[in-house]
N, C-alpha and C. Protein backbone atom coordinates (compact mmCIF):
# COMPACT_ATOMS: atom_id res chain seq x y z
N MET A 1 3.53 0.01 -11.39
CA MET A 1 2.42 0.49 -10.32
C MET A 1 3.44 1.60 -9.54
N PRO A 2 3.80 2.59 -9.29
CA PRO A 2 4.42 4.10 -8.56
C PRO A 2 4.29 3.13 -6.93
N LEU A 3 5.57 3.48 -6.15
CA LEU A 3 5.31 2.19 -4.95
C LEU A 3 5.45 3.11 -3.92
N SER A 4 5.52 4.88 -4.17
CA SER A 4 6.24 6.01 -3.78
C SER A 4 5.35 7.37 -4.29
N THR A 5 5.12 8.26 -4.53
CA THR A 5 4.72 9.90 -4.52
C THR A 5 5.84 10.74 -5.09
N GLN A 6 5.37 11.84 -5.95
CA GLN A 6 6.44 12.81 -6.08
C GLN A 6 6.29 13.91 -4.11
N ASP A 7 4.88 13.27 -3.63
CA ASP A 7 4.95 14.42 -2.46
C ASP A 7 4.99 13.69 -0.64
N GLY A 8 5.84 12.58 -1.18
CA GLY A 8 6.17 11.95 -0.07
C GLY A 8 5.76 10.56 0.42
N TRP A 9 4.82 10.11 -0.05
CA TRP A 9 4.15 8.81 0.32
C TRP A 9 5.00 7.98 -0.30
N PHE A 10 4.45 6.18 0.91
CA PHE A 10 4.76 5.16 -0.17
C PHE A 10 4.65 4.51 0.94
N VAL A 11 4.41 3.13 0.42
CA VAL A 11 4.05 1.86 0.48
C VAL A 11 4.92 0.72 0.28
N VAL A 12 5.29 -0.26 1.39
CA VAL A 12 5.86 -1.22 1.42
C VAL A 12 5.13 -2.78 2.02
N ARG A 13 5.50 -3.45 0.95
CA ARG A 13 4.73 -4.93 1.25
C ARG A 13 5.87 -5.35 2.39
N LYS A 14 5.24 -5.80 3.43
CA LYS A 14 6.49 -6.55 4.64
C LYS A 14 5.96 -8.67 4.32
N GLN A 15 6.83 -8.98 4.34
CA GLN A 15 6.67 -10.18 4.81
C GLN A 15 5.91 -11.29 6.02
N SER A 16 5.03 -11.33 6.39
CA SER A 16 4.72 -11.81 8.05
C SER A 16 4.40 -13.25 8.32
N GLY A 17 5.34 -14.27 7.81
CA GLY A 17 4.96 -15.58 7.80
C GLY A 17 4.78 -15.38 6.41
N ARG A 18 3.58 -16.57 6.95
CA ARG A 18 2.33 -16.60 5.50
C ARG A 18 1.93 -15.66 4.71
N ASP A 19 2.11 -14.45 5.75
CA ASP A 19 1.20 -13.67 4.59
C ASP A 19 1.83 -12.05 4.86
N ASP A 20 1.15 -10.99 3.51
CA ASP A 20 1.94 -9.92 4.09
C ASP A 20 1.12 -9.13 4.44
N GLU A 21 2.64 -7.94 5.18
CA GLU A 21 1.35 -6.77 5.47
C GLU A 21 1.45 -5.52 4.52
N ILE A 22 0.76 -4.54 4.42
CA ILE A 22 1.27 -3.65 3.97
C ILE A 22 0.67 -2.62 4.50
N TRP A 23 2.34 -1.41 4.38
CA TRP A 23 2.16 -0.40 5.24
C TRP A 23 2.56 0.71 4.66
N PHE A 24 1.53 1.90 4.72
CA PHE A 24 1.82 2.71 3.95
C PHE A 24 1.62 3.98 4.77
N GLY A 25 2.55 4.91 4.09
CA GLY A 25 2.43 6.70 5.12
C GLY A 25 3.11 7.54 4.34
N ARG A 26 3.53 8.44 5.45
CA ARG A 26 4.03 9.40 4.53
C ARG A 26 5.68 10.14 5.19
N THR A 27 7.04 9.79 4.17
CA THR A 27 7.85 10.36 4.50
C THR A 27 8.54 10.97 5.65
N GLY A 28 8.91 11.33 6.63
CA GLY A 28 9.50 12.41 7.47
C GLY A 28 7.76 12.14 8.63
N GLU A 29 6.88 11.69 8.70
CA GLU A 29 6.17 11.72 9.65
C GLU A 29 6.17 10.87 10.81
N LEU A 30 5.18 11.12 11.92
CA LEU A 30 6.08 9.31 12.92
C LEU A 30 4.94 8.92 12.67
N GLY A 31 5.58 8.03 13.21
CA GLY A 31 4.16 6.63 12.52
C GLY A 31 3.74 6.06 11.32
N GLU A 32 3.48 4.18 10.88
CA GLU A 32 3.29 4.68 10.32
C GLU A 32 1.64 3.72 9.74
N TRP A 33 1.32 3.63 8.68
CA TRP A 33 0.14 3.19 8.84
C TRP A 33 0.09 1.68 8.10
N PHE A 34 -0.95 0.66 8.31
CA PHE A 34 -1.66 -0.36 7.31
C PHE A 34 -2.49 -0.72 7.62
N LEU A 35 -2.88 -1.92 6.58
CA LEU A 35 -3.79 -2.41 6.54
C LEU A 35 -4.04 -2.71 7.32
N ASP A 36 -5.85 -3.27 7.73
CA ASP A 36 -5.94 -3.75 9.00
C ASP A 36 -5.85 -5.46 9.00
N ARG A 37 -5.92 -6.25 8.20
CA ARG A 37 -5.42 -7.21 7.41
C ARG A 37 -4.81 -7.96 7.14
N PRO A 38 -4.39 -9.31 7.06
CA PRO A 38 -2.87 -9.47 6.20
C PRO A 38 -3.43 -9.99 5.16
N VAL A 39 -2.36 -10.03 3.91
CA VAL A 39 -2.99 -9.86 2.83
C VAL A 39 -1.81 -11.37 1.78
N THR A 40 -2.78 -12.55 1.13
CA THR A 40 -1.93 -12.76 0.15
C THR A 40 -2.06 -13.22 -0.92
N GLU A 41 -0.62 -13.84 -1.67
CA GLU A 41 -1.79 -13.32 -3.22
C GLU A 41 -1.33 -11.79 -3.52
N ILE A 42 -0.50 -11.09 -3.33
CA ILE A 42 -0.35 -9.86 -4.21
C ILE A 42 -0.61 -9.81 -5.18
N LYS A 43 -1.28 -9.68 -6.02
CA LYS A 43 -1.44 -9.56 -7.54
C LYS A 43 -1.12 -8.07 -8.39
N ALA A 44 -1.42 -6.30 -7.44
CA ALA A 44 -0.81 -5.33 -7.60
C ALA A 44 -0.42 -4.48 -6.86
N LEU A 45 0.17 -4.03 -7.05
CA LEU A 45 0.35 -3.06 -5.51
C LEU A 45 1.01 -2.02 -6.17
N GLY A 46 0.04 -0.53 -5.24
CA GLY A 46 1.26 0.72 -5.56
C GLY A 46 0.04 2.31 -6.04
N PHE A 47 0.67 2.88 -6.49
CA PHE A 47 -0.38 4.11 -6.40
C PHE A 47 -0.42 4.09 -7.83
N SER A 48 -1.22 5.14 -7.76
CA SER A 48 -2.11 5.70 -9.58
C SER A 48 -1.09 6.93 -9.70
N LEU A 49 -1.04 6.89 -10.97
CA LEU A 49 0.38 7.86 -11.58
C LEU A 49 -0.38 9.00 -11.01
N SER A 50 -1.87 9.70 -11.11
CA SER A 50 -1.54 10.84 -10.00
C SER A 50 -1.30 10.89 -8.57
N GLY A 51 -0.68 9.89 -7.93
CA GLY A 51 -0.79 9.72 -6.68
C GLY A 51 -1.11 9.44 -5.15
N LYS A 52 -2.44 10.19 -5.71
CA LYS A 52 -3.80 10.37 -5.12
C LYS A 52 -4.55 8.82 -4.82
N SER A 53 -4.05 7.76 -5.68
CA SER A 53 -5.11 6.18 -5.04
C SER A 53 -3.75 5.48 -4.12
N LEU A 54 -4.30 4.71 -3.74
CA LEU A 54 -3.32 3.54 -3.77
C LEU A 54 -4.05 2.07 -3.55
N ILE A 55 -3.96 1.10 -4.77
CA ILE A 55 -4.03 0.01 -4.97
C ILE A 55 -3.65 -1.35 -3.97
N VAL A 56 -4.32 -2.34 -3.84
CA VAL A 56 -3.85 -3.53 -3.00
C VAL A 56 -4.51 -4.66 -3.76
N ALA A 57 -4.40 -5.72 -4.79
CA ALA A 57 -5.26 -6.58 -5.27
C ALA A 57 -4.86 -7.62 -5.02
N THR A 58 -5.64 -8.60 -4.91
CA THR A 58 -4.95 -10.17 -4.14
C THR A 58 -5.80 -10.54 -5.13
N SER A 59 -5.73 -11.67 -5.05
CA SER A 59 -6.62 -12.92 -6.04
C SER A 59 -8.22 -12.44 -5.98
N SER A 60 -8.28 -12.71 -4.07
CA SER A 60 -9.79 -12.42 -4.05
C SER A 60 -10.43 -11.39 -4.38
N ASP A 61 -9.34 -9.85 -3.88
CA ASP A 61 -10.25 -8.82 -3.95
C ASP A 61 -9.52 -7.61 -4.18
N ALA A 62 -10.04 -6.46 -4.02
CA ALA A 62 -9.23 -5.53 -4.52
C ALA A 62 -9.72 -3.77 -3.22
N THR A 63 -8.16 -3.61 -2.65
CA THR A 63 -8.85 -2.33 -1.93
C THR A 63 -8.35 -0.97 -2.26
N LEU A 64 -9.21 -0.23 -2.83
CA LEU A 64 -8.60 1.24 -3.29
C LEU A 64 -8.58 2.25 -1.65
N ILE A 65 -7.77 3.18 -1.73
CA ILE A 65 -7.26 3.95 -0.94
C ILE A 65 -7.05 5.45 -1.35
N ARG A 66 -8.10 6.21 -1.45
CA ARG A 66 -7.51 7.02 -1.83
C ARG A 66 -7.30 8.21 -0.67
N ARG A 67 -6.58 9.53 -1.00
CA ARG A 67 -6.09 10.30 0.31
C ARG A 67 -6.15 11.72 -1.00
N SER A 68 -7.02 12.89 0.12
CA SER A 68 -6.43 14.17 -0.53
C SER A 68 -5.34 15.05 -0.46
């Protein structure tokens, strides 16, 4: 799955001790955004082919973030 979109959105996985943090945002804008909880055992991470949805799937759940 792509980690960036054609219109400048990106997602980055940062290791923070035993857990990972997922940061996403738009290139060129101030600040970055992140999921409000650390995640472990990431099974899938990336944007849909359209770039309008971001999926973070772990061994226990999945988070889908849609943007306009």
